[in-house]
Amino acid sequence: METMSATMICKTRWCWRTDLAEFRGLTERERAGFLLVLEWFENFRLRHELPAGREAAKVFWKTEVTREGRERETWQLEQWGDAVQWYLNWLSACCESGADHRSLPERLRSAVHSSGARRGL
């Protein structure tokens, strides 16, 4: 009987940065703007340990983008909204294909928690 390799057992991993870089529906300028806001969003999400998804995007938008005392240009809000929408669509595609969308820090945190739980810690 053949044994399955580790790569066959693991889910396929997708990286939004790689997919954004390869996405043909954006100009280089738009891509750079999307990258800026999505890096900001991901750092916010990881810092607050929020799962990727619409709820995290809502919290980010309310506390970071439209918070009191910060005036944003209309074009910024439109571009950033488009970027977040692109990311949410990307997450949906990940879920539909069964791909793992988590970043390295998220996968590491999960492995540490899982290991600790197996040891009763």
PDB file of N, CA and C in Angstrom:
ATOM      1  N   MET A   1       0.836  -1.176   0.000  1.00  0.00           N
ATOM      2  CA  MET A   1       0.000   0.000   0.000  1.00  0.00           C
ATOM      3  C   MET A   1       0.887   1.246   0.000  1.00  0.00           C
ATOM      4  N   GLU A   2       0.549   2.197  -0.838  1.00  0.00           N
ATOM      5  CA  GLU A   2       1.339   3.418  -0.937  1.00  0.00           C
ATOM      6  C   GLU A   2       0.975   4.372   0.193  1.00  0.00           C
ATOM      7  N   THR A   3       1.959   5.108   0.665  1.00  0.00           N
ATOM      8  CA  THR A   3       1.691   6.117   1.691  1.00  0.00           C
ATOM      9  C   THR A   3       1.550   7.469   1.017  1.00  0.00           C
ATOM     10  N   MET A   4       0.703   8.293   1.594  1.00  0.00           N
ATOM     11  CA  MET A   4       0.503   9.632   1.047  1.00  0.00           C
ATOM     12  C   MET A   4       1.645  10.537   1.485  1.00  0.00           C
ATOM     13  N   SER A   5       2.100  11.346   0.592  1.00  0.00           N
ATOM     14  CA  SER A   5       3.147  12.298   0.961  1.00  0.00           C
ATOM     15  C   SER A   5       2.544  13.412   1.799  1.00  0.00           C
ATOM     16  N   ALA A   6       3.390  14.107   2.530  1.00  0.00           N
ATOM     17  CA  ALA A   6       2.932  15.202   3.396  1.00  0.00           C
ATOM     18  C   ALA A   6       2.246  16.291   2.591  1.00  0.00           C
ATOM     19  N   THR A   7       2.701  16.523   1.375  1.00  0.00           N
ATOM     20  CA  THR A   7       2.084  17.576   0.572  1.00  0.00           C
ATOM     21  C   THR A   7       0.687  17.198   0.121  1.00  0.00           C
ATOM     22  N   MET A   8       0.417  15.915  -0.052  1.00  0.00           N
ATOM     23  CA  MET A   8      -0.914  15.488  -0.452  1.00  0.00           C
ATOM     24  C   MET A   8      -1.877  15.586   0.719  1.00  0.00           C
ATOM     25  N   ILE A   9      -1.401  15.387   1.929  1.00  0.00           N
ATOM     26  CA  ILE A   9      -2.255  15.442   3.106  1.00  0.00           C
ATOM     27  C   ILE A   9      -2.610  16.886   3.440  1.00  0.00           C
ATOM     28  N   CYS A  10      -1.657  17.804   3.288  1.00  0.00           N
ATOM     29  CA  CYS A  10      -1.877  19.215   3.601  1.00  0.00           C
ATOM     30  C   CYS A  10      -2.808  19.843   2.569  1.00  0.00           C
ATOM     31  N   LYS A  11      -3.565  20.831   3.026  1.00  0.00           N
ATOM     32  CA  LYS A  11      -4.363  21.623   2.110  1.00  0.00           C
ATOM     33  C   LYS A  11      -3.436  22.457   1.239  1.00  0.00           C
ATOM     34  N   THR A  12      -3.934  22.830   0.098  1.00  0.00           N
ATOM     35  CA  THR A  12      -3.214  23.775  -0.732  1.00  0.00           C
ATOM     36  C   THR A  12      -3.209  25.114  -0.010  1.00  0.00           C
ATOM     37  N   ARG A  13      -2.077  25.777  -0.025  1.00  0.00           N
ATOM     38  CA  ARG A  13      -1.982  27.085   0.634  1.00  0.00           C
ATOM     39  C   ARG A  13      -1.981  28.176  -0.413  1.00  0.00           C
ATOM     40  N   TRP A  14      -2.809  29.166  -0.213  1.00  0.00           N
ATOM     41  CA  TRP A  14      -2.871  30.307  -1.107  1.00  0.00           C
ATOM     42  C   TRP A  14      -2.351  31.530  -0.374  1.00  0.00           C
ATOM     43  N   CYS A  15      -1.728  32.409  -1.096  1.00  0.00           N
ATOM     44  CA  CYS A  15      -1.195  33.653  -0.540  1.00  0.00           C
ATOM     45  C   CYS A  15      -1.826  34.827  -1.288  1.00  0.00           C
ATOM     46  N   TRP A  16      -2.512  35.687  -0.570  1.00  0.00           N
ATOM     47  CA  TRP A  16      -3.183  36.805  -1.236  1.00  0.00           C
ATOM     48  C   TRP A  16      -2.177  37.738  -1.921  1.00  0.00           C
ATOM     49  N   ARG A  17      -0.984  37.867  -1.363  1.00  0.00           N
ATOM     50  CA  ARG A  17       0.026  38.750  -1.969  1.00  0.00           C
ATOM     51  C   ARG A  17       0.431  38.229  -3.365  1.00  0.00           C
ATOM     52  N   THR A  18       0.652  36.937  -3.449  1.00  0.00           N
ATOM     53  CA  THR A  18       1.025  36.327  -4.729  1.00  0.00           C
ATOM     54  C   THR A  18      -0.112  36.466  -5.731  1.00  0.00           C
ATOM     55  N   ASP A  19      -1.321  36.178  -5.286  1.00  0.00           N
ATOM     56  CA  ASP A  19      -2.473  36.265  -6.184  1.00  0.00           C
ATOM     57  C   ASP A  19      -2.738  37.699  -6.622  1.00  0.00           C
ATOM     58  N   LEU A  20      -2.536  38.656  -5.721  1.00  0.00           N
ATOM     59  CA  LEU A  20      -2.701  40.070  -6.093  1.00  0.00           C
ATOM     60  C   LEU A  20      -1.663  40.461  -7.144  1.00  0.00           C
ATOM     61  N   ALA A  21      -0.434  40.023  -6.960  1.00  0.00           N
ATOM     62  CA  ALA A  21       0.636  40.346  -7.911  1.00  0.00           C
ATOM     63  C   ALA A  21       0.343  39.764  -9.299  1.00  0.00           C
ATOM     64  N   GLU A  22      -0.352  38.630  -9.352  1.00  0.00           N
ATOM     65  CA  GLU A  22      -0.640  37.964 -10.625  1.00  0.00           C
ATOM     66  C   GLU A  22      -1.999  38.337 -11.205  1.00  0.00           C
ATOM     67  N   PHE A  23      -2.804  39.089 -10.449  1.00  0.00           N
ATOM     68  CA  PHE A  23      -4.158  39.452 -10.881  1.00  0.00           C
ATOM     69  C   PHE A  23      -4.076  40.444 -12.040  1.00  0.00           C
ATOM     70  N   ARG A  24      -4.719  40.121 -13.141  1.00  0.00           N
ATOM     71  CA  ARG A  24      -4.609  40.936 -14.350  1.00  0.00           C
ATOM     72  C   ARG A  24      -5.613  42.078 -14.412  1.00  0.00           C
ATOM     73  N   GLY A  25      -6.581  42.101 -13.522  1.00  0.00           N
ATOM     74  CA  GLY A  25      -7.642  43.103 -13.584  1.00  0.00           C
ATOM     75  C   GLY A  25      -7.291  44.448 -12.975  1.00  0.00           C
ATOM     76  N   LEU A  26      -6.026  44.675 -12.646  1.00  0.00           N
ATOM     77  CA  LEU A  26      -5.608  45.926 -12.019  1.00  0.00           C
ATOM     78  C   LEU A  26      -4.407  46.521 -12.733  1.00  0.00           C
ATOM     79  N   THR A  27      -4.327  47.844 -12.699  1.00  0.00           N
ATOM     80  CA  THR A  27      -3.120  48.503 -13.191  1.00  0.00           C
ATOM     81  C   THR A  27      -2.051  48.387 -12.105  1.00  0.00           C
ATOM     82  N   GLU A  28      -0.825  48.712 -12.447  1.00  0.00           N
ATOM     83  CA  GLU A  28       0.251  48.663 -11.445  1.00  0.00           C
ATOM     84  C   GLU A  28      -0.020  49.642 -10.312  1.00  0.00           C
ATOM     85  N   ARG A  29      -0.553  50.784 -10.634  1.00  0.00           N
ATOM     86  CA  ARG A  29      -0.876  51.780  -9.606  1.00  0.00           C
ATOM     87  C   ARG A  29      -1.967  51.270  -8.664  1.00  0.00           C
ATOM     88  N   GLU A  30      -3.020  50.684  -9.237  1.00  0.00           N
ATOM     89  CA  GLU A  30      -4.089  50.118  -8.405  1.00  0.00           C
ATOM     90  C   GLU A  30      -3.553  48.986  -7.538  1.00  0.00           C
ATOM     91  N   ARG A  31      -2.725  48.154  -8.127  1.00  0.00           N
ATOM     92  CA  ARG A  31      -2.143  47.033  -7.392  1.00  0.00           C
ATOM     93  C   ARG A  31      -1.331  47.539  -6.202  1.00  0.00           C
ATOM     94  N   ALA A  32      -0.561  48.597  -6.405  1.00  0.00           N
ATOM     95  CA  ALA A  32       0.237  49.176  -5.318  1.00  0.00           C
ATOM     96  C   ALA A  32      -0.666  49.730  -4.219  1.00  0.00           C
ATOM     97  N   GLY A  33      -1.770  50.368  -4.597  1.00  0.00           N
ATOM     98  CA  GLY A  33      -2.728  50.877  -3.613  1.00  0.00           C
ATOM     99  C   GLY A  33      -3.401  49.754  -2.843  1.00  0.00           C
ATOM    100  N   PHE A  34      -3.789  48.698  -3.559  1.00  0.00           N
ATOM    101  CA  PHE A  34      -4.399  47.540  -2.905  1.00  0.00           C
ATOM    102  C   PHE A  34      -3.423  46.914  -1.919  1.00  0.00           C
ATOM    103  N   LEU A  35      -2.171  46.767  -2.345  1.00  0.00           N
ATOM    104  CA  LEU A  35      -1.155  46.163  -1.492  1.00  0.00           C
ATOM    105  C   LEU A  35      -0.992  46.965  -0.200  1.00  0.00           C
ATOM    106  N   LEU A  36      -0.965  48.270  -0.317  1.00  0.00           N
ATOM    107  CA  LEU A  36      -0.815  49.132   0.846  1.00  0.00           C
ATOM    108  C   LEU A  36      -1.921  48.898   1.867  1.00  0.00           C
ATOM    109  N   VAL A  37      -3.160  48.963   1.429  1.00  0.00           N
ATOM    110  CA  VAL A  37      -4.274  48.838   2.381  1.00  0.00           C
ATOM    111  C   VAL A  37      -4.428  47.399   2.875  1.00  0.00           C
ATOM    112  N   LEU A  38      -4.138  46.413   2.037  1.00  0.00           N
ATOM    113  CA  LEU A  38      -4.278  45.027   2.477  1.00  0.00           C
ATOM    114  C   LEU A  38      -3.185  44.630   3.463  1.00  0.00           C
ATOM    115  N   GLU A  39      -1.993  45.168   3.301  1.00  0.00           N
ATOM    116  CA  GLU A  39      -0.937  44.948   4.302  1.00  0.00           C
ATOM    117  C   GLU A  39      -1.356  45.579   5.629  1.00  0.00           C
ATOM    118  N   TRP A  40      -1.893  46.777   5.566  1.00  0.00           N
ATOM    119  CA  TRP A  40      -2.390  47.484   6.741  1.00  0.00           C
ATOM    120  C   TRP A  40      -3.475  46.649   7.426  1.00  0.00           C
ATOM    121  N   PHE A  41      -4.425  46.161   6.631  1.00  0.00           N
ATOM    122  CA  PHE A  41      -5.513  45.340   7.160  1.00  0.00           C
ATOM    123  C   PHE A  41      -4.991  44.047   7.791  1.00  0.00           C
ATOM    124  N   GLU A  42      -4.103  43.354   7.085  1.00  0.00           N
ATOM    125  CA  GLU A  42      -3.565  42.093   7.610  1.00  0.00           C
ATOM    126  C   GLU A  42      -2.804  42.307   8.919  1.00  0.00           C
ATOM    127  N   ASN A  43      -1.993  43.351   8.989  1.00  0.00           N
ATOM    128  CA  ASN A  43      -1.275  43.647  10.230  1.00  0.00           C
ATOM    129  C   ASN A  43      -2.245  43.943  11.369  1.00  0.00           C
ATOM    130  N   PHE A  44      -3.294  44.711  11.078  1.00  0.00           N
ATOM    131  CA  PHE A  44      -4.326  45.008  12.074  1.00  0.00           C
ATOM    132  C   PHE A  44      -4.999  43.715  12.539  1.00  0.00           C
ATOM    133  N   ARG A  45      -5.390  42.899  11.568  1.00  0.00           N
ATOM    134  CA  ARG A  45      -6.103  41.655  11.865  1.00  0.00           C
ATOM    135  C   ARG A  45      -5.253  40.706  12.696  1.00  0.00           C
ATOM    136  N   LEU A  46      -4.000  40.543  12.347  1.00  0.00           N
ATOM    137  CA  LEU A  46      -3.114  39.647  13.087  1.00  0.00           C
ATOM    138  C   LEU A  46      -2.805  40.191  14.480  1.00  0.00           C
ATOM    139  N   ARG A  47      -2.615  41.503  14.584  1.00  0.00           N
ATOM    140  CA  ARG A  47      -2.334  42.119  15.877  1.00  0.00           C
ATOM    141  C   ARG A  47      -3.491  41.903  16.858  1.00  0.00           C
ATOM    142  N   HIS A  48      -4.715  41.945  16.343  1.00  0.00           N
ATOM    143  CA  HIS A  48      -5.906  41.768  17.179  1.00  0.00           C
ATOM    144  C   HIS A  48      -6.427  40.330  17.172  1.00  0.00           C
ATOM    145  N   GLU A  49      -5.691  39.443  16.519  1.00  0.00           N
ATOM    146  CA  GLU A  49      -6.040  38.018  16.420  1.00  0.00           C
ATOM    147  C   GLU A  49      -7.467  37.798  15.935  1.00  0.00           C
ATOM    148  N   LEU A  50      -7.831  38.525  14.887  1.00  0.00           N
ATOM    149  CA  LEU A  50      -9.164  38.397  14.287  1.00  0.00           C
ATOM    150  C   LEU A  50      -9.100  37.406  13.129  1.00  0.00           C
ATOM    151  N   PRO A  51     -10.084  36.536  13.019  1.00  0.00           N
ATOM    152  CA  PRO A  51     -10.100  35.620  11.874  1.00  0.00           C
ATOM    153  C   PRO A  51     -10.387  36.397  10.591  1.00  0.00           C
ATOM    154  N   ALA A  52      -9.809  35.950   9.499  1.00  0.00           N
ATOM    155  CA  ALA A  52     -10.021  36.613   8.210  1.00  0.00           C
ATOM    156  C   ALA A  52     -11.490  36.525   7.834  1.00  0.00           C
ATOM    157  N   GLY A  53     -12.035  37.623   7.356  1.00  0.00           N
ATOM    158  CA  GLY A  53     -13.425  37.618   6.925  1.00  0.00           C
ATOM    159  C   GLY A  53     -14.065  38.986   7.010  1.00  0.00           C
ATOM    160  N   ARG A  54     -15.339  39.000   6.695  1.00  0.00           N
ATOM    161  CA  ARG A  54     -16.103  40.245   6.639  1.00  0.00           C
ATOM    162  C   ARG A  54     -16.144  40.978   7.977  1.00  0.00           C
ATOM    163  N   GLU A  55     -16.284  40.256   9.071  1.00  0.00           N
ATOM    164  CA  GLU A  55     -16.345  40.914  10.389  1.00  0.00           C
ATOM    165  C   GLU A  55     -15.047  41.626  10.718  1.00  0.00           C
ATOM    166  N   ALA A  56     -13.921  40.997  10.434  1.00  0.00           N
ATOM    167  CA  ALA A  56     -12.621  41.637  10.657  1.00  0.00           C
ATOM    168  C   ALA A  56     -12.488  42.879   9.781  1.00  0.00           C
ATOM    169  N   ALA A  57     -12.982  42.802   8.553  1.00  0.00           N
ATOM    170  CA  ALA A  57     -12.926  43.946   7.645  1.00  0.00           C
ATOM    171  C   ALA A  57     -13.780  45.093   8.172  1.00  0.00           C
ATOM    172  N   LYS A  58     -14.943  44.780   8.726  1.00  0.00           N
ATOM    173  CA  LYS A  58     -15.809  45.820   9.295  1.00  0.00           C
ATOM    174  C   LYS A  58     -15.136  46.511  10.479  1.00  0.00           C
ATOM    175  N   VAL A  59     -14.522  45.725  11.363  1.00  0.00           N
ATOM    176  CA  VAL A  59     -13.833  46.295  12.525  1.00  0.00           C
ATOM    177  C   VAL A  59     -12.675  47.170  12.061  1.00  0.00           C
ATOM    178  N   PHE A  60     -11.905  46.676  11.101  1.00  0.00           N
ATOM    179  CA  PHE A  60     -10.781  47.441  10.550  1.00  0.00           C
ATOM    180  C   PHE A  60     -11.273  48.753   9.960  1.00  0.00           C
ATOM    181  N   TRP A  61     -12.308  48.687   9.154  1.00  0.00           N
ATOM    182  CA  TRP A  61     -12.812  49.881   8.479  1.00  0.00           C
ATOM    183  C   TRP A  61     -13.272  50.927   9.495  1.00  0.00           C
ATOM    184  N   LYS A  62     -13.972  50.465  10.516  1.00  0.00           N
ATOM    185  CA  LYS A  62     -14.514  51.390  11.516  1.00  0.00           C
ATOM    186  C   LYS A  62     -13.417  51.984  12.401  1.00  0.00           C
ATOM    187  N   THR A  63     -12.471  51.160  12.842  1.00  0.00           N
ATOM    188  CA  THR A  63     -11.475  51.638  13.804  1.00  0.00           C
ATOM    189  C   THR A  63     -10.238  52.259  13.165  1.00  0.00           C
ATOM    190  N   GLU A  64      -9.933  51.901  11.938  1.00  0.00           N
ATOM    191  CA  GLU A  64      -8.723  52.408  11.308  1.00  0.00           C
ATOM    192  C   GLU A  64      -8.989  53.391  10.164  1.00  0.00           C
ATOM    193  N   VAL A  65      -9.899  53.052   9.290  1.00  0.00           N
ATOM    194  CA  VAL A  65     -10.097  53.851   8.081  1.00  0.00           C
ATOM    195  C   VAL A  65     -10.978  55.066   8.337  1.00  0.00           C
ATOM    196  N   THR A  66     -12.116  54.869   8.984  1.00  0.00           N
ATOM    197  CA  THR A  66     -13.067  55.971   9.168  1.00  0.00           C
ATOM    198  C   THR A  66     -13.132  56.462  10.607  1.00  0.00           C
ATOM    199  N   ARG A  67     -12.083  56.228  11.355  1.00  0.00           N
ATOM    200  CA  ARG A  67     -12.102  56.670  12.749  1.00  0.00           C
ATOM    201  C   ARG A  67     -12.154  58.195  12.833  1.00  0.00           C
ATOM    202  N   GLU A  68     -12.631  58.652  13.972  1.00  0.00           N
ATOM    203  CA  GLU A  68     -12.751  60.088  14.200  1.00  0.00           C
ATOM    204  C   GLU A  68     -11.394  60.771  14.137  1.00  0.00           C
ATOM    205  N   GLY A  69     -11.389  61.967  13.589  1.00  0.00           N
ATOM    206  CA  GLY A  69     -10.150  62.718  13.527  1.00  0.00           C
ATOM    207  C   GLY A  69      -9.294  62.428  12.311  1.00  0.00           C
ATOM    208  N   ARG A  70      -9.704  61.490  11.463  1.00  0.00           N
ATOM    209  CA  ARG A  70      -8.944  61.162  10.255  1.00  0.00           C
ATOM    210  C   ARG A  70      -9.805  61.462   9.034  1.00  0.00           C
ATOM    211  N   GLU A  71      -9.406  62.454   8.302  1.00  0.00           N
ATOM    212  CA  GLU A  71     -10.096  62.788   7.066  1.00  0.00           C
ATOM    213  C   GLU A  71      -9.450  62.000   5.927  1.00  0.00           C
ATOM    214  N   ARG A  72     -10.250  61.362   5.138  1.00  0.00           N
ATOM    215  CA  ARG A  72      -9.764  60.596   3.989  1.00  0.00           C
ATOM    216  C   ARG A  72     -10.333  61.200   2.712  1.00  0.00           C
ATOM    217  N   GLU A  73      -9.559  61.129   1.675  1.00  0.00           N
ATOM    218  CA  GLU A  73     -10.017  61.573   0.356  1.00  0.00           C
ATOM    219  C   GLU A  73     -11.008  60.539  -0.188  1.00  0.00           C
ATOM    220  N   THR A  74     -11.922  61.004  -1.023  1.00  0.00           N
ATOM    221  CA  THR A  74     -12.924  60.111  -1.614  1.00  0.00           C
ATOM    222  C   THR A  74     -12.261  58.994  -2.404  1.00  0.00           C
ATOM    223  N   TRP A  75     -11.222  59.333  -3.185  1.00  0.00           N
ATOM    224  CA  TRP A  75     -10.557  58.313  -3.991  1.00  0.00           C
ATOM    225  C   TRP A  75      -9.908  57.252  -3.110  1.00  0.00           C
ATOM    226  N   GLN A  76      -9.403  57.656  -1.928  1.00  0.00           N
ATOM    227  CA  GLN A  76      -8.797  56.678  -1.018  1.00  0.00           C
ATOM    228  C   GLN A  76      -9.846  55.686  -0.535  1.00  0.00           C
ATOM    229  N   LEU A  77     -10.968  56.213  -0.076  1.00  0.00           N
ATOM    230  CA  LEU A  77     -12.032  55.338   0.428  1.00  0.00           C
ATOM    231  C   LEU A  77     -12.526  54.387  -0.649  1.00  0.00           C
ATOM    232  N   GLU A  78     -12.656  54.882  -1.873  1.00  0.00           N
ATOM    233  CA  GLU A  78     -13.105  54.026  -2.969  1.00  0.00           C
ATOM    234  C   GLU A  78     -12.080  52.936  -3.276  1.00  0.00           C
ATOM    235  N   GLN A  79     -10.812  53.334  -3.392  1.00  0.00           N
ATOM    236  CA  GLN A  79      -9.769  52.358  -3.705  1.00  0.00           C
ATOM    237  C   GLN A  79      -9.613  51.350  -2.568  1.00  0.00           C
ATOM    238  N   TRP A  80      -9.609  51.812  -1.343  1.00  0.00           N
ATOM    239  CA  TRP A  80      -9.447  50.918  -0.205  1.00  0.00           C
ATOM    240  C   TRP A  80     -10.641  49.985  -0.071  1.00  0.00           C
ATOM    241  N   GLY A  81     -11.832  50.498  -0.341  1.00  0.00           N
ATOM    242  CA  GLY A  81     -13.017  49.644  -0.328  1.00  0.00           C
ATOM    243  C   GLY A  81     -12.931  48.563  -1.388  1.00  0.00           C
ATOM    244  N   ASP A  82     -12.454  48.940  -2.577  1.00  0.00           N
ATOM    245  CA  ASP A  82     -12.264  47.962  -3.655  1.00  0.00           C
ATOM    246  C   ASP A  82     -11.228  46.906  -3.255  1.00  0.00           C
ATOM    247  N   ALA A  83     -10.176  47.347  -2.573  1.00  0.00           N
ATOM    248  CA  ALA A  83      -9.128  46.410  -2.137  1.00  0.00           C
ATOM    249  C   ALA A  83      -9.683  45.411  -1.133  1.00  0.00           C
ATOM    250  N   VAL A  84     -10.435  45.887  -0.164  1.00  0.00           N
ATOM    251  CA  VAL A  84     -11.012  44.991   0.839  1.00  0.00           C
ATOM    252  C   VAL A  84     -12.001  44.042   0.183  1.00  0.00           C
ATOM    253  N   GLN A  85     -12.781  44.544  -0.775  1.00  0.00           N
ATOM    254  CA  GLN A  85     -13.722  43.681  -1.496  1.00  0.00           C
ATOM    255  C   GLN A  85     -12.970  42.611  -2.290  1.00  0.00           C
ATOM    256  N   TRP A  86     -11.862  42.979  -2.928  1.00  0.00           N
ATOM    257  CA  TRP A  86     -11.037  42.004  -3.654  1.00  0.00           C
ATOM    258  C   TRP A  86     -10.569  40.917  -2.693  1.00  0.00           C
ATOM    259  N   TYR A  87     -10.102  41.321  -1.506  1.00  0.00           N
ATOM    260  CA  TYR A  87      -9.613  40.372  -0.500  1.00  0.00           C
ATOM    261  C   TYR A  87     -10.736  39.429  -0.049  1.00  0.00           C
ATOM    262  N   LEU A  88     -11.926  39.976   0.202  1.00  0.00           N
ATOM    263  CA  LEU A  88     -13.046  39.128   0.635  1.00  0.00           C
ATOM    264  C   LEU A  88     -13.446  38.147  -0.465  1.00  0.00           C
ATOM    265  N   ASN A  89     -13.414  38.588  -1.717  1.00  0.00           N
ATOM    266  CA  ASN A  89     -13.686  37.674  -2.834  1.00  0.00           C
ATOM    267  C   ASN A  89     -12.615  36.597  -2.916  1.00  0.00           C
ATOM    268  N   TRP A  90     -11.373  36.984  -2.670  1.00  0.00           N
ATOM    269  CA  TRP A  90     -10.267  36.021  -2.663  1.00  0.00           C
ATOM    270  C   TRP A  90     -10.475  34.981  -1.558  1.00  0.00           C
ATOM    271  N   LEU A  91     -10.915  35.440  -0.381  1.00  0.00           N
ATOM    272  CA  LEU A  91     -11.205  34.500   0.716  1.00  0.00           C
ATOM    273  C   LEU A  91     -12.305  33.518   0.327  1.00  0.00           C
ATOM    274  N   SER A  92     -13.333  34.023  -0.340  1.00  0.00           N
ATOM    275  CA  SER A  92     -14.423  33.146  -0.792  1.00  0.00           C
ATOM    276  C   SER A  92     -13.903  32.087  -1.763  1.00  0.00           C
ATOM    277  N   ALA A  93     -13.023  32.494  -2.652  1.00  0.00           N
ATOM    278  CA  ALA A  93     -12.433  31.539  -3.604  1.00  0.00           C
ATOM    279  C   ALA A  93     -11.615  30.491  -2.860  1.00  0.00           C
ATOM    280  N   CYS A  94     -10.905  30.904  -1.820  1.00  0.00           N
ATOM    281  CA  CYS A  94     -10.135  29.953  -1.004  1.00  0.00           C
ATOM    282  C   CYS A  94     -11.067  28.925  -0.371  1.00  0.00           C
ATOM    283  N   CYS A  95     -12.142  29.412   0.218  1.00  0.00           N
ATOM    284  CA  CYS A  95     -13.095  28.510   0.881  1.00  0.00           C
ATOM    285  C   CYS A  95     -13.716  27.542  -0.114  1.00  0.00           C
ATOM    286  N   GLU A  96     -14.093  28.048  -1.280  1.00  0.00           N
ATOM    287  CA  GLU A  96     -14.715  27.193  -2.298  1.00  0.00           C
ATOM    288  C   GLU A  96     -13.783  26.090  -2.767  1.00  0.00           C
ATOM    289  N   SER A  97     -12.485  26.389  -2.837  1.00  0.00           N
ATOM    290  CA  SER A  97     -11.539  25.387  -3.323  1.00  0.00           C
ATOM    291  C   SER A  97     -10.921  24.564  -2.207  1.00  0.00           C
ATOM    292  N   GLY A  98     -11.231  24.916  -0.955  1.00  0.00           N
ATOM    293  CA  GLY A  98     -10.678  24.174   0.176  1.00  0.00           C
ATOM    294  C   GLY A  98      -9.229  24.531   0.472  1.00  0.00           C
ATOM    295  N   ALA A  99      -8.776  25.685  -0.018  1.00  0.00           N
ATOM    296  CA  ALA A  99      -7.388  26.115   0.196  1.00  0.00           C
ATOM    297  C   ALA A  99      -7.226  26.762   1.567  1.00  0.00           C
ATOM    298  N   ASP A 100      -6.025  26.694   2.092  1.00  0.00           N
ATOM    299  CA  ASP A 100      -5.689  27.311   3.374  1.00  0.00           C
ATOM    300  C   ASP A 100      -5.208  28.732   3.106  1.00  0.00           C
ATOM    301  N   HIS A 101      -5.941  29.718   3.591  1.00  0.00           N
ATOM    302  CA  HIS A 101      -5.615  31.119   3.354  1.00  0.00           C
ATOM    303  C   HIS A 101      -4.774  31.739   4.469  1.00  0.00           C
ATOM    304  N   ARG A 102      -4.554  31.001   5.537  1.00  0.00           N
ATOM    305  CA  ARG A 102      -3.878  31.583   6.704  1.00  0.00           C
ATOM    306  C   ARG A 102      -2.424  31.938   6.406  1.00  0.00           C
ATOM    307  N   SER A 103      -1.990  33.010   7.046  1.00  0.00           N
ATOM    308  CA  SER A 103      -0.603  33.448   6.901  1.00  0.00           C
ATOM    309  C   SER A 103       0.296  32.562   7.756  1.00  0.00           C
ATOM    310  N   LEU A 104       1.590  32.690   7.559  1.00  0.00           N
ATOM    311  CA  LEU A 104       2.547  31.910   8.337  1.00  0.00           C
ATOM    312  C   LEU A 104       2.376  32.140   9.847  1.00  0.00           C
ATOM    313  N   PRO A 105       2.262  33.393  10.319  1.00  0.00           N
ATOM    314  CA  PRO A 105       2.054  33.578  11.768  1.00  0.00           C
ATOM    315  C   PRO A 105       0.790  32.891  12.285  1.00  0.00           C
ATOM    316  N   GLU A 106      -0.272  32.896  11.490  1.00  0.00           N
ATOM    317  CA  GLU A 106      -1.505  32.225  11.910  1.00  0.00           C
ATOM    318  C   GLU A 106      -1.328  30.717  11.965  1.00  0.00           C
ATOM    319  N   ARG A 107      -0.656  30.152  10.973  1.00  0.00           N
ATOM    320  CA  ARG A 107      -0.427  28.707  10.973  1.00  0.00           C
ATOM    321  C   ARG A 107       0.482  28.306  12.130  1.00  0.00           C
ATOM    322  N   LEU A 108       1.486  29.122  12.411  1.00  0.00           N
ATOM    323  CA  LEU A 108       2.395  28.851  13.523  1.00  0.00           C
ATOM    324  C   LEU A 108       1.650  28.905  14.859  1.00  0.00           C
ATOM    325  N   ARG A 109       0.836  29.950  15.058  1.00  0.00           N
ATOM    326  CA  ARG A 109       0.060  30.077  16.286  1.00  0.00           C
ATOM    327  C   ARG A 109      -0.863  28.873  16.470  1.00  0.00           C
ATOM    328  N   SER A 110      -1.504  28.455  15.388  1.00  0.00           N
ATOM    329  CA  SER A 110      -2.396  27.298  15.437  1.00  0.00           C
ATOM    330  C   SER A 110      -1.641  26.024  15.806  1.00  0.00           C
ATOM    331  N   ALA A 111      -0.456  25.833  15.237  1.00  0.00           N
ATOM    332  CA  ALA A 111       0.345  24.642  15.537  1.00  0.00           C
ATOM    333  C   ALA A 111       0.789  24.624  16.990  1.00  0.00           C
ATOM    334  N   VAL A 112       1.171  25.789  17.509  1.00  0.00           N
ATOM    335  CA  VAL A 112       1.592  25.878  18.911  1.00  0.00           C
ATOM    336  C   VAL A 112       0.418  25.570  19.835  1.00  0.00           C
ATOM    337  N   HIS A 113      -0.749  26.145  19.556  1.00  0.00           N
ATOM    338  CA  HIS A 113      -1.939  25.873  20.371  1.00  0.00           C
ATOM    339  C   HIS A 113      -2.333  24.403  20.310  1.00  0.00           C
ATOM    340  N   SER A 114      -2.263  23.828  19.120  1.00  0.00           N
ATOM    341  CA  SER A 114      -2.610  22.421  18.946  1.00  0.00           C
ATOM    342  C   SER A 114      -1.643  21.523  19.710  1.00  0.00           C
ATOM    343  N   SER A 115      -0.366  21.818  19.620  1.00  0.00           N
ATOM    344  CA  SER A 115       0.644  21.038  20.323  1.00  0.00           C
ATOM    345  C   SER A 115       0.462  21.131  21.838  1.00  0.00           C
ATOM    346  N   GLY A 116       0.206  22.347  22.301  1.00  0.00           N
ATOM    347  CA  GLY A 116      -0.035  22.548  23.738  1.00  0.00           C
ATOM    348  C   GLY A 116      -1.283  21.819  24.215  1.00  0.00           C
ATOM    349  N   ALA A 117      -2.316  21.841  23.404  1.00  0.00           N
ATOM    350  CA  ALA A 117      -3.562  21.161  23.781  1.00  0.00           C
ATOM    351  C   ALA A 117      -3.367  19.650  23.845  1.00  0.00           C
ATOM    352  N   ARG A 118      -2.588  19.094  22.922  1.00  0.00           N
ATOM    353  CA  ARG A 118      -2.321  17.651  22.961  1.00  0.00           C
ATOM    354  C   ARG A 118      -1.557  17.256  24.228  1.00  0.00           C
ATOM    355  N   ARG A 119      -0.760  18.182  24.721  1.00  0.00           N
ATOM    356  CA  ARG A 119       0.031  17.909  25.929  1.00  0.00           C
ATOM    357  C   ARG A 119      -0.696  18.331  27.197  1.00  0.00           C
ATOM    358  N   GLY A 120      -1.897  18.827  27.047  1.00  0.00           N
ATOM    359  CA  GLY A 120      -2.686  19.223  28.210  1.00  0.00           C
ATOM    360  C   GLY A 120      -2.261  20.540  28.825  1.00  0.00           C
ATOM    361  N   LEU A 121      -1.629  21.384  28.024  1.00  0.00           N
ATOM    362  CA  LEU A 121      -1.178  22.687  28.530  1.00  0.00           C
ATOM    363  C   LEU A 121      -2.162  23.789  28.234  1.00  0.00           C
TER     364      LEU A 121
END
